[in-house]
């Protein structure tokens, strides 16, 4: 696992006080139950291209604030964000909440936790 700087860890810890998290298993249950929500991968393009959660769309963290309204114009729709380990998704969730999105969750543990739980993947931009 990647080690992050103390300042980055502190920033994410502060942000996580304002962001609700959901486990990968809970996300998978929502998908299986047919619940309506947007599953958004905020990782870098090259990470997305290797593999991503089945059913996800890609809006990288570097552009999510700029492009979220194009992809998800409804501020009241449910959104679950994920990244590699749950840090970038928490930061992105905090920002889009500040933009007015009301039902945003960050997937705890990110893609690493999704894969560790053997949950469904899509590969090579499928």
C-alpha atoms as a PDB file:
ATOM      1  CA  UNK A   1       0.000   0.000   0.000  1.00  0.00           C
ATOM      2  CA  UNK A   2       1.217   3.480  -0.835  1.00  0.00           C
ATOM      3  CA  UNK A   3       2.373   5.574   2.067  1.00  0.00           C
ATOM      4  CA  UNK A   4       1.095   9.123   2.029  1.00  0.00           C
ATOM      5  CA  UNK A   5       2.559  12.218   3.624  1.00  0.00           C
ATOM      6  CA  UNK A   6       1.382  13.199   7.087  1.00  0.00           C
ATOM      7  CA  UNK A   7      -0.107  16.428   5.722  1.00  0.00           C
ATOM      8  CA  UNK A   8      -2.108  14.569   3.076  1.00  0.00           C
ATOM      9  CA  UNK A   9      -3.332  12.064   5.675  1.00  0.00           C
ATOM     10  CA  UNK A  10      -4.399  14.951   7.928  1.00  0.00           C
ATOM     11  CA  UNK A  11      -6.226  16.670   5.068  1.00  0.00           C
ATOM     12  CA  UNK A  12      -8.140  13.495   4.198  1.00  0.00           C
ATOM     13  CA  UNK A  13      -8.961  12.845   7.860  1.00  0.00           C
ATOM     14  CA  UNK A  14     -10.457  16.340   8.113  1.00  0.00           C
ATOM     15  CA  UNK A  15     -12.452  15.883   4.896  1.00  0.00           C
ATOM     16  CA  UNK A  16     -13.775  12.495   6.021  1.00  0.00           C
ATOM     17  CA  UNK A  17     -15.507  14.261   8.914  1.00  0.00           C
ATOM     18  CA  UNK A  18     -17.771  15.867   6.287  1.00  0.00           C
ATOM     19  CA  UNK A  19     -18.131  12.908   3.923  1.00  0.00           C
ATOM     20  CA  UNK A  20     -20.194   9.776   4.411  1.00  0.00           C
ATOM     21  CA  UNK A  21     -18.586   6.482   3.449  1.00  0.00           C
ATOM     22  CA  UNK A  22     -20.039   3.224   2.189  1.00  0.00           C
ATOM     23  CA  UNK A  23     -18.391  -0.192   2.002  1.00  0.00           C
ATOM     24  CA  UNK A  24     -17.766  -1.927  -1.323  1.00  0.00           C
ATOM     25  CA  UNK A  25     -20.108  -4.709  -0.199  1.00  0.00           C
ATOM     26  CA  UNK A  26     -22.901  -2.177   0.404  1.00  0.00           C
ATOM     27  CA  UNK A  27     -22.296  -0.688  -3.056  1.00  0.00           C
ATOM     28  CA  UNK A  28     -22.463  -4.155  -4.627  1.00  0.00           C
ATOM     29  CA  UNK A  29     -25.752  -4.840  -2.797  1.00  0.00           C
ATOM     30  CA  UNK A  30     -27.207  -1.574  -4.119  1.00  0.00           C
ATOM     31  CA  UNK A  31     -26.172  -2.500  -7.665  1.00  0.00           C
ATOM     32  CA  UNK A  32     -27.588  -6.029  -7.327  1.00  0.00           C
ATOM     33  CA  UNK A  33     -30.860  -4.647  -5.965  1.00  0.00           C
ATOM     34  CA  UNK A  34     -31.190  -2.317  -8.940  1.00  0.00           C
ATOM     35  CA  UNK A  35     -31.019   0.838  -6.841  1.00  0.00           C
ATOM     36  CA  UNK A  36     -30.661   3.959  -8.941  1.00  0.00           C
ATOM     37  CA  UNK A  37     -27.404   5.804  -8.297  1.00  0.00           C
ATOM     38  CA  UNK A  38     -24.297   6.879 -10.159  1.00  0.00           C
ATOM     39  CA  UNK A  39     -21.124   4.910  -9.435  1.00  0.00           C
ATOM     40  CA  UNK A  40     -18.248   7.197 -10.376  1.00  0.00           C
ATOM     41  CA  UNK A  41     -14.586   6.219 -10.657  1.00  0.00           C
ATOM     42  CA  UNK A  42     -12.457   9.302  -9.951  1.00  0.00           C
ATOM     43  CA  UNK A  43      -9.093   7.654 -10.609  1.00  0.00           C
ATOM     44  CA  UNK A  44      -6.681   8.623 -13.376  1.00  0.00           C
ATOM     45  CA  UNK A  45      -7.393   7.570 -16.963  1.00  0.00           C
ATOM     46  CA  UNK A  46      -4.679   4.887 -16.943  1.00  0.00           C
ATOM     47  CA  UNK A  47      -6.107   3.333 -13.755  1.00  0.00           C
ATOM     48  CA  UNK A  48      -9.618   3.256 -15.246  1.00  0.00           C
ATOM     49  CA  UNK A  49      -8.330   1.637 -18.449  1.00  0.00           C
ATOM     50  CA  UNK A  50      -6.819  -1.317 -16.565  1.00  0.00           C
ATOM     51  CA  UNK A  51      -9.960  -2.242 -14.645  1.00  0.00           C
ATOM     52  CA  UNK A  52     -12.885  -0.595 -12.917  1.00  0.00           C
ATOM     53  CA  UNK A  53     -15.994  -1.550 -11.002  1.00  0.00           C
ATOM     54  CA  UNK A  54     -18.681  -2.969 -13.252  1.00  0.00           C
ATOM     55  CA  UNK A  55     -21.375  -0.344 -13.812  1.00  0.00           C
ATOM     56  CA  UNK A  56     -19.130   2.641 -13.094  1.00  0.00           C
ATOM     57  CA  UNK A  57     -18.618   5.764 -15.163  1.00  0.00           C
ATOM     58  CA  UNK A  58     -15.317   7.637 -15.241  1.00  0.00           C
ATOM     59  CA  UNK A  59     -14.902  11.267 -14.222  1.00  0.00           C
ATOM     60  CA  UNK A  60     -11.322  11.758 -13.032  1.00  0.00           C
ATOM     61  CA  UNK A  61     -10.655  13.686  -9.842  1.00  0.00           C
ATOM     62  CA  UNK A  62      -8.746  16.295 -11.817  1.00  0.00           C
ATOM     63  CA  UNK A  63     -11.880  17.265 -13.765  1.00  0.00           C
ATOM     64  CA  UNK A  64     -14.834  16.185 -11.628  1.00  0.00           C
ATOM     65  CA  UNK A  65     -15.728  19.663 -10.388  1.00  0.00           C
ATOM     66  CA  UNK A  66     -15.602  20.975 -13.952  1.00  0.00           C
ATOM     67  CA  UNK A  67     -17.529  18.106 -15.583  1.00  0.00           C
ATOM     68  CA  UNK A  68     -19.873  16.625 -12.950  1.00  0.00           C
ATOM     69  CA  UNK A  69     -22.847  18.741 -14.031  1.00  0.00           C
ATOM     70  CA  UNK A  70     -22.527  17.502 -17.644  1.00  0.00           C
ATOM     71  CA  UNK A  71     -22.662  13.879 -16.532  1.00  0.00           C
ATOM     72  CA  UNK A  72     -24.965  14.208 -13.506  1.00  0.00           C
ATOM     73  CA  UNK A  73     -27.097  17.357 -13.696  1.00  0.00           C
ATOM     74  CA  UNK A  74     -29.498  16.315 -10.894  1.00  0.00           C
ATOM     75  CA  UNK A  75     -28.189  17.597  -7.554  1.00  0.00           C
ATOM     76  CA  UNK A  76     -30.540  15.269  -5.663  1.00  0.00           C
ATOM     77  CA  UNK A  77     -29.477  12.004  -7.310  1.00  0.00           C
ATOM     78  CA  UNK A  78     -27.440   9.464  -5.348  1.00  0.00           C
ATOM     79  CA  UNK A  79     -23.734   9.318  -6.194  1.00  0.00           C
ATOM     80  CA  UNK A  80     -21.045   6.922  -4.963  1.00  0.00           C
ATOM     81  CA  UNK A  81     -17.457   7.919  -5.740  1.00  0.00           C
ATOM     82  CA  UNK A  82     -14.447   5.638  -5.561  1.00  0.00           C
ATOM     83  CA  UNK A  83     -10.722   5.784  -6.233  1.00  0.00           C
ATOM     84  CA  UNK A  84      -7.823   3.462  -5.479  1.00  0.00           C
ATOM     85  CA  UNK A  85      -8.006   3.516  -1.690  1.00  0.00           C
ATOM     86  CA  UNK A  86     -10.737   5.938  -0.606  1.00  0.00           C
ATOM     87  CA  UNK A  87      -8.698   9.115  -0.260  1.00  0.00           C
ATOM     88  CA  UNK A  88      -9.223  10.876  -3.595  1.00  0.00           C
ATOM     89  CA  UNK A  89     -12.891   9.906  -3.617  1.00  0.00           C
ATOM     90  CA  UNK A  90     -13.367  11.513  -0.194  1.00  0.00           C
ATOM     91  CA  UNK A  91     -11.718  14.721  -1.431  1.00  0.00           C
ATOM     92  CA  UNK A  92     -13.867  14.720  -4.576  1.00  0.00           C
ATOM     93  CA  UNK A  93     -17.024  13.969  -2.556  1.00  0.00           C
ATOM     94  CA  UNK A  94     -16.331  16.923  -0.296  1.00  0.00           C
ATOM     95  CA  UNK A  95     -15.956  19.242  -3.274  1.00  0.00           C
ATOM     96  CA  UNK A  96     -19.084  18.163  -5.122  1.00  0.00           C
ATOM     97  CA  UNK A  97     -21.064  18.413  -1.883  1.00  0.00           C
ATOM     98  CA  UNK A  98     -19.844  22.019  -1.670  1.00  0.00           C
ATOM     99  CA  UNK A  99     -21.163  22.465  -5.225  1.00  0.00           C
ATOM    100  CA  UNK A 100     -24.632  21.447  -4.036  1.00  0.00           C
ATOM    101  CA  UNK A 101     -24.839  17.671  -4.572  1.00  0.00           C
ATOM    102  CA  UNK A 102     -26.927  16.314  -1.703  1.00  0.00           C
ATOM    103  CA  UNK A 103     -26.502  12.522  -1.727  1.00  0.00           C
ATOM    104  CA  UNK A 104     -22.809  11.772  -2.128  1.00  0.00           C
ATOM    105  CA  UNK A 105     -20.956   8.815  -0.661  1.00  0.00           C
ATOM    106  CA  UNK A 106     -17.296   7.812  -0.866  1.00  0.00           C
ATOM    107  CA  UNK A 107     -16.522   4.109  -1.127  1.00  0.00           C
ATOM    108  CA  UNK A 108     -14.282   3.149   1.802  1.00  0.00           C
ATOM    109  CA  UNK A 109     -11.128   1.365   0.704  1.00  0.00           C
ATOM    110  CA  UNK A 110     -11.713   2.195  -2.949  1.00  0.00           C
ATOM    111  CA  UNK A 111     -10.821  -0.144  -5.798  1.00  0.00           C
ATOM    112  CA  UNK A 112      -8.371  -2.104  -3.648  1.00  0.00           C
ATOM    113  CA  UNK A 113     -11.189  -3.048  -1.266  1.00  0.00           C
ATOM    114  CA  UNK A 114     -13.548  -3.753  -4.216  1.00  0.00           C
ATOM    115  CA  UNK A 115     -11.027  -6.157  -5.742  1.00  0.00           C
ATOM    116  CA  UNK A 116     -10.169  -7.726  -2.377  1.00  0.00           C
ATOM    117  CA  UNK A 117     -13.872  -8.530  -1.972  1.00  0.00           C
ATOM    118  CA  UNK A 118     -13.874 -10.148  -5.470  1.00  0.00           C
ATOM    119  CA  UNK A 119     -16.635  -7.825  -6.655  1.00  0.00           C
ATOM    120  CA  UNK A 120     -17.413  -7.529 -10.402  1.00  0.00           C
ATOM    121  CA  UNK A 121     -14.920  -5.729 -12.634  1.00  0.00           C
ATOM    122  CA  UNK A 122     -15.069  -4.322 -16.118  1.00  0.00           C
ATOM    123  CA  UNK A 123     -11.761  -4.224 -17.967  1.00  0.00           C
ATOM    124  CA  UNK A 124     -10.213  -2.325 -20.850  1.00  0.00           C
ATOM    125  CA  UNK A 125     -12.856   0.401 -21.023  1.00  0.00           C
ATOM    126  CA  UNK A 126     -15.693  -2.122 -21.202  1.00  0.00           C
END
